[in-house]
Amino acid sequence: MFCPKCGKEIPDGSAFCSSCGTNVNTMSGPGGAAKPSAAGAAFSGLGGFLKNYFASPVQATRNTLAKGDLATPLILLGAQLIACILMFLGFSLKIGMMTYGYAEVPFQFWFVGGLLSEVVGVIIFMGLLFGGAKILKSGCTFQDVVIACGCHSIFITILMVIDFFCFLISMPLGLWVMILTLILWVALGVSSFQMVAPELESGKSWLIYLGVVAVTIVLTLLILGEGLLPALMSSPVGMFSSIFANL
């Protein structure tokens, strides 16, 4: 059951909320404690998860998997999507600064490109991660994979936001932070894999995971770099090669 005032989940039959101290019985009426709105419950759960995650990332993720809480990971993945678009925006603004506004990057690149980069990359990664878990005979579901990946997206989101400001300061700095973000994504992916599959103790397990990462990067670059992004760009893609050549 949930507290009708603050939305925190409390044990069934509780008379008072352990968080805000509200008398649940007097507020809920004869029908028992009422559930808050879906959005209120989701964001209330997010606050509790973040507090637990920074205390113990592994335990917080395991608790979320045990509850089958899909709302919190989806909110976190949505935040990562916004951060990815913001990172592309920082890259695009810096190009405009470097060329004194003569090579302004179109909206299709920084917004649609950032959106597609995140969506395509995450979908491919989670799909391959689920396939790798099944090869290792894991009993996980695809929802478990989404939850594990969503829970471990917090630091990636933070780095993407930082990268936005790094791009505004310096293009090389922004690119180095982007590489660091990619490395951290690979490292945190190990924890996601461990949550949904047997522990990565065998060479086979590691080979499968590294294969998932490699194929994800290659497919994402092929789909975006060779197909979607060039089609979305209203100005020649070659514009960027001349800029990077001078870095």
Protein backbone atom coordinates (compact mmCIF):
# COMPACT_ATOMS: atom_id res chain seq x y z
CA MET A 1 0.00 0.00 0.00
CA PHE A 2 1.02 3.63 -0.45
CA CYS A 3 0.81 6.69 1.77
CA PRO A 4 -2.02 8.90 0.42
CA LYS A 5 -0.03 12.05 1.30
CA CYS A 6 3.58 11.51 0.22
CA GLY A 7 3.17 8.46 -2.00
CA LYS A 8 5.82 6.36 -0.23
CA GLU A 9 5.22 2.61 -0.25
CA ILE A 10 4.50 1.31 3.25
CA PRO A 11 3.67 -2.17 4.65
CA ASP A 12 0.06 -3.27 4.26
CA GLY A 13 -2.04 -2.54 7.35
CA SER A 14 0.19 0.31 8.57
CA ALA A 15 -1.59 2.95 10.65
CA PHE A 16 1.04 5.64 10.10
CA CYS A 17 3.42 6.43 7.23
CA SER A 18 7.03 5.73 8.20
CA SER A 19 8.17 8.64 6.02
CA CYS A 20 5.88 11.59 6.79
CA GLY A 21 4.00 10.27 9.85
CA THR A 22 0.56 10.72 8.32
CA ASN A 23 -2.31 8.77 9.88
CA VAL A 24 -3.13 6.57 6.90
CA ASN A 25 -6.49 5.44 8.23
CA THR A 26 -7.91 8.95 8.69
CA MET A 27 -6.84 10.08 5.23
CA SER A 28 -7.84 7.01 3.29
CA GLY A 29 -11.39 6.65 4.63
CA PRO A 30 -13.31 3.39 4.87
CA GLY A 31 -11.88 1.98 1.69
CA GLY A 32 -8.39 1.67 3.09
CA ALA A 33 -5.24 3.46 1.99
CA ALA A 34 -5.57 4.91 -1.46
CA LYS A 35 -2.81 4.68 -4.02
CA PRO A 36 -1.37 7.95 -5.31
CA SER A 37 -1.40 8.76 -9.00
CA ALA A 38 0.82 6.64 -11.23
CA ALA A 39 3.17 9.56 -11.85
CA GLY A 40 3.38 10.37 -8.13
CA ALA A 41 4.17 6.78 -7.23
CA ALA A 42 6.75 6.52 -10.02
CA PHE A 43 8.68 9.63 -8.99
CA SER A 44 8.39 8.73 -5.32
CA GLY A 45 9.92 5.36 -6.13
CA LEU A 46 12.64 7.10 -8.15
CA GLY A 47 13.66 9.21 -5.14
CA GLY A 48 13.93 6.16 -2.92
CA PHE A 49 15.89 4.27 -5.58
CA LEU A 50 18.44 7.07 -6.06
CA LYS A 51 19.03 7.25 -2.32
CA ASN A 52 19.58 3.49 -2.13
CA TYR A 53 21.62 3.39 -5.36
CA PHE A 54 24.27 5.83 -4.16
CA ALA A 55 24.49 3.81 -0.95
CA SER A 56 24.74 0.42 -2.70
CA PRO A 57 24.28 0.26 -6.50
CA VAL A 58 24.20 -3.53 -6.64
CA GLN A 59 21.67 -3.96 -3.84
CA ALA A 60 19.44 -1.16 -5.17
CA THR A 61 19.36 -2.79 -8.60
CA ARG A 62 18.63 -6.22 -7.12
CA ASN A 63 15.74 -4.76 -5.13
CA THR A 64 14.31 -3.15 -8.25
CA LEU A 65 14.61 -6.42 -10.16
CA ALA A 66 12.94 -8.31 -7.31
CA LYS A 67 10.00 -5.88 -7.31
CA GLY A 68 9.78 -5.85 -11.10
CA ASP A 69 9.70 -2.04 -10.93
CA LEU A 70 9.89 -0.94 -14.56
CA ALA A 71 8.87 2.69 -14.00
CA THR A 72 12.09 3.81 -12.30
CA PRO A 73 14.48 2.38 -14.96
CA LEU A 74 12.36 3.86 -17.76
CA ILE A 75 12.51 7.31 -16.14
CA LEU A 76 16.30 6.95 -15.85
CA LEU A 77 16.60 5.88 -19.49
CA GLY A 78 14.47 8.86 -20.47
CA ALA A 79 16.84 11.15 -18.57
CA GLN A 80 19.77 9.55 -20.40
CA LEU A 81 18.02 10.20 -23.72
CA ILE A 82 17.69 13.91 -22.88
CA ALA A 83 21.35 14.01 -21.79
CA CYS A 84 22.45 12.43 -25.08
CA ILE A 85 20.57 15.09 -27.07
CA LEU A 86 22.16 17.75 -24.86
CA MET A 87 25.62 16.30 -25.51
CA PHE A 88 25.03 16.46 -29.28
CA LEU A 89 23.85 20.06 -28.84
CA GLY A 90 27.08 21.00 -27.08
CA PHE A 91 29.07 19.45 -29.94
CA SER A 92 27.00 21.36 -32.50
CA LEU A 93 27.24 24.70 -30.69
CA LYS A 94 31.02 24.35 -30.49
CA ILE A 95 31.22 23.81 -34.24
CA GLY A 96 29.28 27.03 -34.72
CA MET A 97 31.72 28.82 -32.39
CA MET A 98 34.76 27.42 -34.19
CA THR A 99 33.48 28.55 -37.58
CA TYR A 100 32.05 31.87 -36.34
CA GLY A 101 28.55 30.73 -37.23
CA TYR A 102 29.35 29.86 -40.86
CA ALA A 103 28.95 26.11 -40.28
CA GLU A 104 25.88 25.93 -38.10
CA VAL A 105 24.83 22.33 -37.48
CA PRO A 106 21.19 21.74 -38.45
CA PHE A 107 18.52 20.79 -35.94
CA GLN A 108 18.26 17.33 -37.53
CA PHE A 109 21.77 16.48 -36.39
CA TRP A 110 21.86 17.54 -32.75
CA PHE A 111 18.27 16.75 -31.81
CA VAL A 112 17.17 13.91 -34.06
CA GLY A 113 20.72 12.59 -34.29
CA GLY A 114 21.15 12.58 -30.51
CA LEU A 115 17.76 10.96 -30.06
CA LEU A 116 18.41 8.25 -32.63
CA SER A 117 21.93 7.57 -31.36
CA GLU A 118 20.60 6.86 -27.89
CA VAL A 119 17.51 4.91 -28.92
CA VAL A 120 19.23 2.77 -31.57
CA GLY A 121 22.27 2.08 -29.38
CA VAL A 122 20.26 1.18 -26.27
CA ILE A 123 17.80 -1.06 -28.14
CA ILE A 124 20.60 -2.96 -29.89
CA PHE A 125 22.59 -3.30 -26.67
CA MET A 126 19.65 -4.56 -24.61
CA GLY A 127 18.57 -6.95 -27.34
CA LEU A 128 22.05 -8.45 -27.67
CA LEU A 129 22.48 -8.52 -23.89
CA PHE A 130 19.25 -10.49 -23.60
CA GLY A 131 20.45 -12.87 -26.31
CA GLY A 132 23.80 -13.32 -24.55
CA ALA A 133 22.03 -14.06 -21.26
CA LYS A 134 19.95 -16.72 -22.98
CA ILE A 135 23.07 -18.30 -24.46
CA LEU A 136 24.31 -18.63 -20.88
CA LYS A 137 20.96 -20.28 -20.03
CA SER A 138 19.74 -17.44 -17.82
CA GLY A 139 16.07 -17.44 -16.85
CA CYS A 140 15.82 -13.64 -17.12
CA THR A 141 13.17 -11.81 -19.12
CA PHE A 142 13.69 -8.85 -21.44
CA GLN A 143 12.08 -6.68 -18.76
CA ASP A 144 14.86 -7.73 -16.39
CA VAL A 145 17.42 -6.55 -18.94
CA VAL A 146 15.65 -3.19 -19.30
CA ILE A 147 15.56 -2.76 -15.52
CA ALA A 148 19.25 -3.64 -15.08
CA CYS A 149 20.37 -1.33 -17.89
CA GLY A 150 18.13 1.49 -16.72
CA CYS A 151 19.35 1.27 -13.14
CA HIS A 152 22.97 1.53 -14.21
CA SER A 153 22.42 4.50 -16.55
CA ILE A 154 22.75 7.16 -13.84
CA PHE A 155 26.48 7.87 -14.15
CA ILE A 156 26.33 7.78 -17.96
CA THR A 157 23.63 10.46 -17.84
CA ILE A 158 25.73 12.61 -15.49
CA LEU A 159 28.78 12.33 -17.75
CA MET A 160 26.76 13.24 -20.85
CA VAL A 161 25.54 16.41 -19.15
CA ILE A 162 29.11 17.24 -18.12
CA ASP A 163 30.21 16.61 -21.70
CA PHE A 164 27.76 19.26 -22.91
CA PHE A 165 29.71 21.90 -20.97
CA CYS A 166 33.06 20.35 -21.92
CA PHE A 167 32.23 20.74 -25.62
CA LEU A 168 31.44 24.42 -25.06
CA ILE A 169 34.87 24.87 -23.46
CA SER A 170 36.96 22.84 -25.90
CA MET A 171 36.26 20.38 -28.71
CA PRO A 172 39.16 18.05 -27.77
CA LEU A 173 38.03 18.08 -24.12
CA GLY A 174 34.49 17.23 -25.16
CA LEU A 175 35.70 14.36 -27.34
CA TRP A 176 37.87 12.96 -24.55
CA VAL A 177 34.96 13.05 -22.11
CA MET A 178 32.81 11.35 -24.75
CA ILE A 179 35.38 8.55 -24.96
CA LEU A 180 35.40 8.34 -21.14
CA THR A 181 31.60 8.05 -21.24
CA LEU A 182 31.87 5.17 -23.70
CA ILE A 183 34.40 3.40 -21.47
CA LEU A 184 32.18 3.85 -18.42
CA TRP A 185 29.19 2.53 -20.39
CA VAL A 186 31.15 -0.65 -21.16
CA ALA A 187 32.23 -1.01 -17.52
CA LEU A 188 28.72 -0.53 -16.12
CA GLY A 189 27.38 -2.93 -18.71
CA VAL A 190 29.28 -5.66 -16.87
CA SER A 191 27.14 -5.05 -13.79
CA SER A 192 23.99 -5.15 -15.91
CA PHE A 193 25.08 -8.46 -17.42
CA GLN A 194 25.85 -9.90 -14.00
CA MET A 195 22.35 -9.02 -12.84
CA VAL A 196 20.57 -10.96 -15.57
CA ALA A 197 23.04 -13.76 -16.32
CA PRO A 198 25.41 -16.03 -14.38
CA GLU A 199 28.45 -14.33 -12.90
CA LEU A 200 31.13 -13.43 -15.42
CA GLU A 201 33.56 -16.05 -14.20
CA SER A 202 34.20 -18.04 -17.37
CA GLY A 203 36.00 -17.03 -20.54
CA LYS A 204 32.84 -17.81 -22.48
CA SER A 205 30.84 -15.28 -20.48
CA TRP A 206 33.36 -12.53 -21.04
CA LEU A 207 33.63 -13.30 -24.75
CA ILE A 208 29.86 -13.08 -25.09
CA TYR A 209 29.71 -9.76 -23.27
CA LEU A 210 32.60 -8.22 -25.22
CA GLY A 211 30.95 -9.48 -28.41
CA VAL A 212 27.71 -7.74 -27.38
CA VAL A 213 29.58 -4.46 -26.87
CA ALA A 214 31.52 -4.71 -30.14
CA VAL A 215 28.48 -5.61 -32.24
CA THR A 216 26.44 -2.84 -30.59
CA ILE A 217 29.04 -0.20 -31.46
CA VAL A 218 29.50 -1.46 -35.03
CA LEU A 219 25.78 -1.76 -35.78
CA THR A 220 25.00 1.63 -34.24
CA LEU A 221 27.72 3.33 -36.27
CA LEU A 222 26.61 1.58 -39.46
CA ILE A 223 22.93 2.38 -38.98
CA LEU A 224 23.53 5.99 -38.01
CA GLY A 225 26.75 6.90 -39.79
CA GLU A 226 26.00 5.23 -43.10
CA GLY A 227 22.24 5.63 -43.21
CA LEU A 228 20.17 7.75 -40.87
CA LEU A 229 22.38 10.72 -40.07
CA PRO A 230 23.54 11.45 -43.65
CA ALA A 231 19.92 11.28 -44.76
CA LEU A 232 18.90 13.75 -42.03
CA MET A 233 21.71 16.21 -42.61
CA SER A 234 20.82 19.17 -44.80
CA SER A 235 24.48 20.13 -45.16
CA PRO A 236 27.33 17.87 -46.34
CA VAL A 237 28.70 15.47 -43.75
CA GLY A 238 32.16 16.21 -45.09
CA MET A 239 31.93 19.56 -43.31
CA PHE A 240 32.97 17.86 -40.09
CA SER A 241 36.04 16.14 -41.53
CA SER A 242 37.68 19.48 -42.32
CA ILE A 243 36.93 20.73 -38.81
CA PHE A 244 38.38 17.67 -37.07
CA ALA A 245 41.44 17.80 -39.34
CA ASN A 246 42.44 21.06 -37.65
CA LEU A 247 42.00 19.82 -34.07
